[in-house]
Protein backbone atom coordinates (compact mmCIF):
# COMPACT_ATOMS: atom_id res chain seq x y z
CA MET A 1 0.00 0.00 0.00
CA ASP A 2 1.42 3.38 -0.86
CA ILE A 3 1.80 6.29 1.55
CA ALA A 4 -0.88 8.47 -0.08
CA ALA A 5 -3.55 5.76 0.20
CA LEU A 6 -2.58 5.04 3.80
CA SER A 7 -2.73 8.74 4.67
CA THR A 8 -6.14 9.12 3.05
CA SER A 9 -7.46 6.03 4.83
CA MET A 10 -6.22 7.25 8.20
CA SER A 11 -7.68 10.70 7.61
CA MET A 12 -11.08 9.26 6.70
CA SER A 13 -11.00 7.02 9.77
CA SER A 14 -10.19 10.01 11.97
CA LEU A 15 -13.02 12.02 10.41
CA ALA A 16 -15.49 9.17 10.97
CA THR A 17 -14.42 8.97 14.62
CA ASP A 18 -14.81 12.74 15.06
CA ILE A 19 -18.28 12.65 13.53
CA GLY A 20 -19.28 9.74 15.76
CA VAL A 21 -18.12 11.59 18.86
CA ALA A 22 -19.98 14.75 17.81
CA LEU A 23 -23.19 12.78 17.25
CA CYS A 24 -22.86 11.12 20.65
CA GLU A 25 -22.42 14.52 22.30
CA MET A 26 -25.53 15.84 20.55
CA ALA A 27 -27.52 12.79 21.62
CA LEU A 28 -26.33 13.22 25.21
CA ASP A 29 -27.41 16.87 25.21
CA ASP A 30 -30.84 15.89 23.88
CA MET A 31 -31.19 13.19 26.53
CA GLU A 32 -30.32 15.67 29.28
CA VAL A 33 -33.02 18.07 28.05
CA ASN A 34 -35.55 15.24 27.84
CA ALA A 35 -34.63 14.06 31.33
CA GLU A 36 -35.15 17.55 32.74
CA GLY A 37 -38.58 17.74 31.10
CA LEU A 38 -39.49 14.31 32.42
CA ARG A 39 -38.39 15.32 35.92
CA LYS A 40 -40.66 18.39 35.79
CA ILE A 41 -43.59 16.29 34.58
CA MET A 42 -43.04 13.76 37.37
CA GLU A 43 -42.94 16.54 39.98
CA GLN A 44 -46.26 17.90 38.71
CA SER A 45 -47.87 14.47 38.74
CA VAL A 46 -47.10 14.07 42.45
CA ASN A 47 -48.96 17.29 43.33
CA PRO A 48 -50.92 18.11 40.17
CA TYR A 49 -53.08 20.85 41.71
CA VAL A 50 -50.43 22.78 43.63
CA GLY A 51 -50.34 26.38 42.46
CA GLN A 52 -53.28 26.17 40.09
CA ASN A 53 -55.87 27.82 42.37
CA PHE A 54 -55.49 30.82 44.62
CA ASP A 55 -57.79 33.06 46.64
CA VAL A 56 -57.80 36.80 46.07
CA THR A 57 -59.17 39.26 48.61
CA VAL A 58 -59.65 42.85 47.52
């Protein structure tokens, strides 16, 4: 195998690895956002009526 082909192959492998890492980071960020939303929903389901009604005296 010549040097140029080896260099190109290694470069493409490095690029594929970089893209894979970037996609994993994006997926992790999305999962963190989804987990935060799920946590808020679970908190509301424990006390679903807290804060929805209030008395006003004028």
